[in-house]
Amino acid sequence: MQFITIQNIVDETIAINPKRITQVCYGLNKQVLVYVDNQIIHTKFTDLFSAVQYIEQAAHDRMLAAHRPRAVEDLWRAWGDQ
């Protein structure tokens, strides 16, 4: 599994498998929601384009670093606070 991290609305960092994302959409008050299987993650994103762009870039970077442990550690530091 290849995990990426995002922050939810209460500042918790959550690791998710981007392959399990089924939907990214606006909720109430233009809050961006990420559906992972049957779970809804209320994110800190306020812009749908930014959320999708972040998820795509984080997943791509994680995939490129998959077989290099040092590169994976660097990614966790770089993307882990989003």
PDB file of N, CA and C in Angstrom:
ATOM      1  N   MET A   1       0.836  -1.190   0.000  1.00  0.00           N
ATOM      2  CA  MET A   1       0.000   0.000   0.000  1.00  0.00           C
ATOM      3  C   MET A   1       0.876   1.247   0.000  1.00  0.00           C
ATOM      4  N   GLN A   2       0.412   2.258  -0.673  1.00  0.00           N
ATOM      5  CA  GLN A   2       1.106   3.539  -0.734  1.00  0.00           C
ATOM      6  C   GLN A   2       0.230   4.573  -0.029  1.00  0.00           C
ATOM      7  N   PHE A   3       0.673   5.079   1.106  1.00  0.00           N
ATOM      8  CA  PHE A   3      -0.119   6.043   1.860  1.00  0.00           C
ATOM      9  C   PHE A   3       0.361   7.471   1.630  1.00  0.00           C
ATOM     10  N   ILE A   4      -0.580   8.403   1.713  1.00  0.00           N
ATOM     11  CA  ILE A   4      -0.284   9.832   1.753  1.00  0.00           C
ATOM     12  C   ILE A   4      -0.967  10.364   3.007  1.00  0.00           C
ATOM     13  N   THR A   5      -0.637  11.574   3.401  1.00  0.00           N
ATOM     14  CA  THR A   5      -1.270  12.148   4.584  1.00  0.00           C
ATOM     15  C   THR A   5      -2.002  13.439   4.233  1.00  0.00           C
ATOM     16  N   ILE A   6      -3.095  13.670   4.949  1.00  0.00           N
ATOM     17  CA  ILE A   6      -3.833  14.931   4.864  1.00  0.00           C
ATOM     18  C   ILE A   6      -4.260  15.306   6.275  1.00  0.00           C
ATOM     19  N   GLN A   7      -4.597  16.562   6.460  1.00  0.00           N
ATOM     20  CA  GLN A   7      -5.089  17.005   7.761  1.00  0.00           C
ATOM     21  C   GLN A   7      -6.596  17.148   7.698  1.00  0.00           C
ATOM     22  N   ASN A   8      -7.237  16.682   8.778  1.00  0.00           N
ATOM     23  CA  ASN A   8      -8.678  16.869   8.842  1.00  0.00           C
ATOM     24  C   ASN A   8      -8.985  18.204   9.505  1.00  0.00           C
ATOM     25  N   ILE A   9     -10.249  18.494   9.653  1.00  0.00           N
ATOM     26  CA  ILE A   9     -10.715  19.800  10.126  1.00  0.00           C
ATOM     27  C   ILE A   9     -10.283  20.108  11.569  1.00  0.00           C
ATOM     28  N   VAL A  10      -9.956  19.066  12.344  1.00  0.00           N
ATOM     29  CA  VAL A  10      -9.522  19.288  13.733  1.00  0.00           C
ATOM     30  C   VAL A  10      -8.010  19.104  13.893  1.00  0.00           C
ATOM     31  N   ASP A  11      -7.275  19.315  12.791  1.00  0.00           N
ATOM     32  CA  ASP A  11      -5.804  19.298  12.773  1.00  0.00           C
ATOM     33  C   ASP A  11      -5.170  17.940  13.051  1.00  0.00           C
ATOM     34  N   GLU A  12      -5.900  16.858  12.865  1.00  0.00           N
ATOM     35  CA  GLU A  12      -5.302  15.533  12.976  1.00  0.00           C
ATOM     36  C   GLU A  12      -4.731  15.157  11.614  1.00  0.00           C
ATOM     37  N   THR A  13      -3.548  14.570  11.617  1.00  0.00           N
ATOM     38  CA  THR A  13      -2.957  14.085  10.372  1.00  0.00           C
ATOM     39  C   THR A  13      -3.422  12.652  10.161  1.00  0.00           C
ATOM     40  N   ILE A  14      -3.961  12.395   8.971  1.00  0.00           N
ATOM     41  CA  ILE A  14      -4.523  11.088   8.658  1.00  0.00           C
ATOM     42  C   ILE A  14      -3.775  10.513   7.464  1.00  0.00           C
ATOM     43  N   ALA A  15      -3.376   9.253   7.569  1.00  0.00           N
ATOM     44  CA  ALA A  15      -2.756   8.552   6.447  1.00  0.00           C
ATOM     45  C   ALA A  15      -3.847   7.815   5.686  1.00  0.00           C
ATOM     46  N   ILE A  16      -3.863   8.021   4.367  1.00  0.00           N
ATOM     47  CA  ILE A  16      -4.866   7.353   3.545  1.00  0.00           C
ATOM     48  C   ILE A  16      -4.200   6.719   2.327  1.00  0.00           C
ATOM     49  N   ASN A  17      -4.825   5.685   1.825  1.00  0.00           N
ATOM     50  CA  ASN A  17      -4.396   5.056   0.588  1.00  0.00           C
ATOM     51  C   ASN A  17      -5.138   5.764  -0.540  1.00  0.00           C
ATOM     52  N   PRO A  18      -4.447   6.528  -1.393  1.00  0.00           N
ATOM     53  CA  PRO A  18      -5.151   7.292  -2.422  1.00  0.00           C
ATOM     54  C   PRO A  18      -5.911   6.427  -3.415  1.00  0.00           C
ATOM     55  N   LYS A  19      -5.536   5.161  -3.542  1.00  0.00           N
ATOM     56  CA  LYS A  19      -6.262   4.261  -4.434  1.00  0.00           C
ATOM     57  C   LYS A  19      -7.665   3.952  -3.917  1.00  0.00           C
ATOM     58  N   ARG A  20      -7.906   4.227  -2.645  1.00  0.00           N
ATOM     59  CA  ARG A  20      -9.209   3.938  -2.036  1.00  0.00           C
ATOM     60  C   ARG A  20     -10.122   5.164  -2.016  1.00  0.00           C
ATOM     61  N   ILE A  21      -9.648   6.299  -2.539  1.00  0.00           N
ATOM     62  CA  ILE A  21     -10.481   7.503  -2.599  1.00  0.00           C
ATOM     63  C   ILE A  21     -11.558   7.294  -3.660  1.00  0.00           C
ATOM     64  N   THR A  22     -12.798   7.497  -3.257  1.00  0.00           N
ATOM     65  CA  THR A  22     -13.906   7.312  -4.189  1.00  0.00           C
ATOM     66  C   THR A  22     -14.494   8.629  -4.656  1.00  0.00           C
ATOM     67  N   GLN A  23     -14.294   9.695  -3.878  1.00  0.00           N
ATOM     68  CA  GLN A  23     -14.884  10.983  -4.248  1.00  0.00           C
ATOM     69  C   GLN A  23     -14.198  12.109  -3.481  1.00  0.00           C
ATOM     70  N   VAL A  24     -14.068  13.258  -4.143  1.00  0.00           N
ATOM     71  CA  VAL A  24     -13.610  14.488  -3.506  1.00  0.00           C
ATOM     72  C   VAL A  24     -14.622  15.544  -3.914  1.00  0.00           C
ATOM     73  N   CYS A  25     -15.260  16.168  -2.917  1.00  0.00           N
ATOM     74  CA  CYS A  25     -16.328  17.124  -3.241  1.00  0.00           C
ATOM     75  C   CYS A  25     -16.447  18.168  -2.133  1.00  0.00           C
ATOM     76  N   TYR A  26     -17.293  19.171  -2.404  1.00  0.00           N
ATOM     77  CA  TYR A  26     -17.588  20.184  -1.395  1.00  0.00           C
ATOM     78  C   TYR A  26     -18.679  19.689  -0.462  1.00  0.00           C
ATOM     79  N   GLY A  27     -18.527  20.028   0.804  1.00  0.00           N
ATOM     80  CA  GLY A  27     -19.566  19.787   1.792  1.00  0.00           C
ATOM     81  C   GLY A  27     -20.176  21.121   2.187  1.00  0.00           C
ATOM     82  N   LEU A  28     -20.684  21.195   3.387  1.00  0.00           N
ATOM     83  CA  LEU A  28     -21.245  22.444   3.888  1.00  0.00           C
ATOM     84  C   LEU A  28     -20.152  23.494   4.026  1.00  0.00           C
ATOM     85  N   ASN A  29     -20.501  24.742   3.814  1.00  0.00           N
ATOM     86  CA  ASN A  29     -19.570  25.870   3.952  1.00  0.00           C
ATOM     87  C   ASN A  29     -18.331  25.730   3.079  1.00  0.00           C
ATOM     88  N   LYS A  30     -18.468  25.121   1.914  1.00  0.00           N
ATOM     89  CA  LYS A  30     -17.365  24.928   0.961  1.00  0.00           C
ATOM     90  C   LYS A  30     -16.188  24.174   1.567  1.00  0.00           C
ATOM     91  N   GLN A  31     -16.453  23.335   2.528  1.00  0.00           N
ATOM     92  CA  GLN A  31     -15.420  22.485   3.096  1.00  0.00           C
ATOM     93  C   GLN A  31     -15.219  21.302   2.149  1.00  0.00           C
ATOM     94  N   VAL A  32     -13.964  20.952   1.869  1.00  0.00           N
ATOM     95  CA  VAL A  32     -13.687  19.847   0.963  1.00  0.00           C
ATOM     96  C   VAL A  32     -13.738  18.529   1.730  1.00  0.00           C
ATOM     97  N   LEU A  33     -14.500  17.590   1.201  1.00  0.00           N
ATOM     98  CA  LEU A  33     -14.644  16.263   1.780  1.00  0.00           C
ATOM     99  C   LEU A  33     -13.926  15.255   0.896  1.00  0.00           C
ATOM    100  N   VAL A  34     -13.235  14.310   1.523  1.00  0.00           N
ATOM    101  CA  VAL A  34     -12.593  13.221   0.798  1.00  0.00           C
ATOM    102  C   VAL A  34     -13.232  11.928   1.286  1.00  0.00           C
ATOM    103  N   TYR A  35     -13.808  11.186   0.357  1.00  0.00           N
ATOM    104  CA  TYR A  35     -14.430   9.905   0.679  1.00  0.00           C
ATOM    105  C   TYR A  35     -13.410   8.805   0.420  1.00  0.00           C
ATOM    106  N   VAL A  36     -13.109   8.046   1.449  1.00  0.00           N
ATOM    107  CA  VAL A  36     -12.210   6.904   1.347  1.00  0.00           C
ATOM    108  C   VAL A  36     -13.040   5.688   1.721  1.00  0.00           C
ATOM    109  N   ASP A  37     -13.404   4.914   0.700  1.00  0.00           N
ATOM    110  CA  ASP A  37     -14.374   3.833   0.871  1.00  0.00           C
ATOM    111  C   ASP A  37     -15.652   4.433   1.472  1.00  0.00           C
ATOM    112  N   ASN A  38     -16.052   3.993   2.662  1.00  0.00           N
ATOM    113  CA  ASN A  38     -17.266   4.512   3.292  1.00  0.00           C
ATOM    114  C   ASN A  38     -16.995   5.600   4.321  1.00  0.00           C
ATOM    115  N   GLN A  39     -15.744   5.972   4.495  1.00  0.00           N
ATOM    116  CA  GLN A  39     -15.364   6.987   5.477  1.00  0.00           C
ATOM    117  C   GLN A  39     -15.318   8.359   4.810  1.00  0.00           C
ATOM    118  N   ILE A  40     -15.812   9.374   5.515  1.00  0.00           N
ATOM    119  CA  ILE A  40     -15.759  10.751   5.028  1.00  0.00           C
ATOM    120  C   ILE A  40     -14.729  11.507   5.858  1.00  0.00           C
ATOM    121  N   ILE A  41     -13.770  12.117   5.183  1.00  0.00           N
ATOM    122  CA  ILE A  41     -12.764  12.922   5.870  1.00  0.00           C
ATOM    123  C   ILE A  41     -13.065  14.382   5.580  1.00  0.00           C
ATOM    124  N   HIS A  42     -13.335  15.133   6.623  1.00  0.00           N
ATOM    125  CA  HIS A  42     -13.571  16.571   6.522  1.00  0.00           C
ATOM    126  C   HIS A  42     -12.206  17.244   6.578  1.00  0.00           C
ATOM    127  N   THR A  43     -11.737  17.712   5.430  1.00  0.00           N
ATOM    128  CA  THR A  43     -10.375  18.242   5.351  1.00  0.00           C
ATOM    129  C   THR A  43     -10.323  19.736   5.661  1.00  0.00           C
ATOM    130  N   LYS A  44      -9.099  20.240   5.770  1.00  0.00           N
ATOM    131  CA  LYS A  44      -8.884  21.672   5.956  1.00  0.00           C
ATOM    132  C   LYS A  44      -8.876  22.421   4.634  1.00  0.00           C
ATOM    133  N   PHE A  45      -8.921  21.694   3.527  1.00  0.00           N
ATOM    134  CA  PHE A  45      -8.936  22.347   2.221  1.00  0.00           C
ATOM    135  C   PHE A  45     -10.217  23.147   2.048  1.00  0.00           C
ATOM    136  N   THR A  46     -10.109  24.298   1.404  1.00  0.00           N
ATOM    137  CA  THR A  46     -11.286  25.110   1.093  1.00  0.00           C
ATOM    138  C   THR A  46     -11.483  25.237  -0.409  1.00  0.00           C
ATOM    139  N   ASP A  47     -10.546  24.701  -1.172  1.00  0.00           N
ATOM    140  CA  ASP A  47     -10.572  24.784  -2.631  1.00  0.00           C
ATOM    141  C   ASP A  47     -10.460  23.369  -3.200  1.00  0.00           C
ATOM    142  N   LEU A  48     -11.440  22.967  -3.979  1.00  0.00           N
ATOM    143  CA  LEU A  48     -11.480  21.619  -4.533  1.00  0.00           C
ATOM    144  C   LEU A  48     -10.271  21.342  -5.429  1.00  0.00           C
ATOM    145  N   PHE A  49      -9.914  22.304  -6.268  1.00  0.00           N
ATOM    146  CA  PHE A  49      -8.775  22.126  -7.165  1.00  0.00           C
ATOM    147  C   PHE A  49      -7.491  21.884  -6.377  1.00  0.00           C
ATOM    148  N   SER A  50      -7.272  22.653  -5.328  1.00  0.00           N
ATOM    149  CA  SER A  50      -6.060  22.494  -4.508  1.00  0.00           C
ATOM    150  C   SER A  50      -6.019  21.121  -3.845  1.00  0.00           C
ATOM    151  N   ALA A  51      -7.152  20.648  -3.367  1.00  0.00           N
ATOM    152  CA  ALA A  51      -7.211  19.336  -2.720  1.00  0.00           C
ATOM    153  C   ALA A  51      -6.851  18.234  -3.705  1.00  0.00           C
ATOM    154  N   VAL A  52      -7.447  18.271  -4.878  1.00  0.00           N
ATOM    155  CA  VAL A  52      -7.179  17.242  -5.882  1.00  0.00           C
ATOM    156  C   VAL A  52      -5.725  17.318  -6.348  1.00  0.00           C
ATOM    157  N   GLN A  53      -5.235  18.517  -6.561  1.00  0.00           N
ATOM    158  CA  GLN A  53      -3.852  18.691  -6.984  1.00  0.00           C
ATOM    159  C   GLN A  53      -2.890  18.142  -5.930  1.00  0.00           C
ATOM    160  N   TYR A  54      -3.148  18.434  -4.654  1.00  0.00           N
ATOM    161  CA  TYR A  54      -2.304  17.929  -3.571  1.00  0.00           C
ATOM    162  C   TYR A  54      -2.319  16.404  -3.544  1.00  0.00           C
ATOM    163  N   ILE A  55      -3.508  15.805  -3.617  1.00  0.00           N
ATOM    164  CA  ILE A  55      -3.628  14.347  -3.557  1.00  0.00           C
ATOM    165  C   ILE A  55      -2.883  13.700  -4.724  1.00  0.00           C
ATOM    166  N   GLU A  56      -3.071  14.242  -5.916  1.00  0.00           N
ATOM    167  CA  GLU A  56      -2.384  13.687  -7.088  1.00  0.00           C
ATOM    168  C   GLU A  56      -0.874  13.806  -6.961  1.00  0.00           C
ATOM    169  N   GLN A  57      -0.380  14.962  -6.544  1.00  0.00           N
ATOM    170  CA  GLN A  57       1.064  15.168  -6.417  1.00  0.00           C
ATOM    171  C   GLN A  57       1.652  14.296  -5.313  1.00  0.00           C
ATOM    172  N   ALA A  58       0.980  14.225  -4.176  1.00  0.00           N
ATOM    173  CA  ALA A  58       1.473  13.411  -3.066  1.00  0.00           C
ATOM    174  C   ALA A  58       1.513  11.935  -3.458  1.00  0.00           C
ATOM    175  N   ALA A  59       0.484  11.463  -4.141  1.00  0.00           N
ATOM    176  CA  ALA A  59       0.446  10.059  -4.572  1.00  0.00           C
ATOM    177  C   ALA A  59       1.555   9.788  -5.588  1.00  0.00           C
ATOM    178  N   HIS A  60       1.764  10.712  -6.505  1.00  0.00           N
ATOM    179  CA  HIS A  60       2.817  10.554  -7.512  1.00  0.00           C
ATOM    180  C   HIS A  60       4.199  10.529  -6.857  1.00  0.00           C
ATOM    181  N   ASP A  61       4.451  11.464  -5.964  1.00  0.00           N
ATOM    182  CA  ASP A  61       5.746  11.514  -5.272  1.00  0.00           C
ATOM    183  C   ASP A  61       5.975  10.253  -4.454  1.00  0.00           C
ATOM    184  N   ARG A  62       4.942   9.785  -3.794  1.00  0.00           N
ATOM    185  CA  ARG A  62       5.054   8.577  -2.961  1.00  0.00           C
ATOM    186  C   ARG A  62       5.355   7.363  -3.824  1.00  0.00           C
ATOM    187  N   MET A  63       4.724   7.287  -5.000  1.00  0.00           N
ATOM    188  CA  MET A  63       4.955   6.174  -5.905  1.00  0.00           C
ATOM    189  C   MET A  63       6.410   6.168  -6.395  1.00  0.00           C
ATOM    190  N   LEU A  64       6.931   7.350  -6.724  1.00  0.00           N
ATOM    191  CA  LEU A  64       8.313   7.441  -7.202  1.00  0.00           C
ATOM    192  C   LEU A  64       9.319   7.034  -6.133  1.00  0.00           C
ATOM    193  N   ALA A  65       8.999   7.276  -4.885  1.00  0.00           N
ATOM    194  CA  ALA A  65       9.930   6.992  -3.788  1.00  0.00           C
ATOM    195  C   ALA A  65       9.735   5.605  -3.179  1.00  0.00           C
ATOM    196  N   ALA A  66       8.819   4.851  -3.704  1.00  0.00           N
ATOM    197  CA  ALA A  66       8.379   3.600  -3.069  1.00  0.00           C
ATOM    198  C   ALA A  66       9.492   2.634  -2.706  1.00  0.00           C
ATOM    199  N   HIS A  67      10.517   2.512  -3.502  1.00  0.00           N
ATOM    200  CA  HIS A  67      11.539   1.495  -3.246  1.00  0.00           C
ATOM    201  C   HIS A  67      12.832   2.076  -2.676  1.00  0.00           C
ATOM    202  N   ARG A  68      12.765   3.306  -2.220  1.00  0.00           N
ATOM    203  CA  ARG A  68      13.938   3.934  -1.624  1.00  0.00           C
ATOM    204  C   ARG A  68      13.557   4.424  -0.227  1.00  0.00           C
ATOM    205  N   PRO A  69      13.896   3.676   0.815  1.00  0.00           N
ATOM    206  CA  PRO A  69      13.473   4.030   2.181  1.00  0.00           C
ATOM    207  C   PRO A  69      13.809   5.464   2.578  1.00  0.00           C
ATOM    208  N   ARG A  70      14.968   5.944   2.206  1.00  0.00           N
ATOM    209  CA  ARG A  70      15.347   7.322   2.577  1.00  0.00           C
ATOM    210  C   ARG A  70      14.418   8.336   1.896  1.00  0.00           C
ATOM    211  N   ALA A  71      14.080   8.098   0.643  1.00  0.00           N
ATOM    212  CA  ALA A  71      13.186   8.990  -0.085  1.00  0.00           C
ATOM    213  C   ALA A  71      11.795   8.978   0.538  1.00  0.00           C
ATOM    214  N   VAL A  72      11.341   7.831   0.997  1.00  0.00           N
ATOM    215  CA  VAL A  72      10.029   7.738   1.649  1.00  0.00           C
ATOM    216  C   VAL A  72      10.032   8.543   2.943  1.00  0.00           C
ATOM    217  N   GLU A  73      11.098   8.421   3.722  1.00  0.00           N
ATOM    218  CA  GLU A  73      11.202   9.199   4.961  1.00  0.00           C
ATOM    219  C   GLU A  73      11.173  10.699   4.665  1.00  0.00           C
ATOM    220  N   ASP A  74      11.876  11.125   3.632  1.00  0.00           N
ATOM    221  CA  ASP A  74      11.873  12.540   3.254  1.00  0.00           C
ATOM    222  C   ASP A  74      10.479  12.999   2.857  1.00  0.00           C
ATOM    223  N   LEU A  75       9.735  12.158   2.137  1.00  0.00           N
ATOM    224  CA  LEU A  75       8.372  12.518   1.746  1.00  0.00           C
ATOM    225  C   LEU A  75       7.461  12.642   2.956  1.00  0.00           C
ATOM    226  N   TRP A  76       7.591  11.736   3.921  1.00  0.00           N
ATOM    227  CA  TRP A  76       6.748  11.830   5.110  1.00  0.00           C
ATOM    228  C   TRP A  76       6.978  13.171   5.824  1.00  0.00           C
ATOM    229  N   ARG A  77       8.234  13.600   5.826  1.00  0.00           N
ATOM    230  CA  ARG A  77       8.516  14.897   6.450  1.00  0.00           C
ATOM    231  C   ARG A  77       7.933  16.036   5.620  1.00  0.00           C
ATOM    232  N   ALA A  78       8.053  15.950   4.292  1.00  0.00           N
ATOM    233  CA  ALA A  78       7.590  17.031   3.422  1.00  0.00           C
ATOM    234  C   ALA A  78       6.061  17.102   3.340  1.00  0.00           C
ATOM    235  N   TRP A  79       5.405  15.973   3.216  1.00  0.00           N
ATOM    236  CA  TRP A  79       3.953  15.959   3.002  1.00  0.00           C
ATOM    237  C   TRP A  79       3.170  15.710   4.285  1.00  0.00           C
ATOM    238  N   GLY A  80       3.850  15.274   5.336  1.00  0.00           N
ATOM    239  CA  GLY A  80       3.148  14.852   6.547  1.00  0.00           C
ATOM    240  C   GLY A  80       2.396  15.926   7.281  1.00  0.00           C
ATOM    241  N   ASP A  81       2.718  17.194   7.076  1.00  0.00           N
ATOM    242  CA  ASP A  81       2.033  18.266   7.796  1.00  0.00           C
ATOM    243  C   ASP A  81       0.890  18.888   7.023  1.00  0.00           C
ATOM    244  N   GLN A  82       0.613  18.375   5.814  1.00  0.00           N
ATOM    245  CA  GLN A  82      -0.469  18.941   5.031  1.00  0.00           C
ATOM    246  C   GLN A  82      -1.742  18.390   5.581  1.00  0.00           C
TER     247      GLN A  82
END
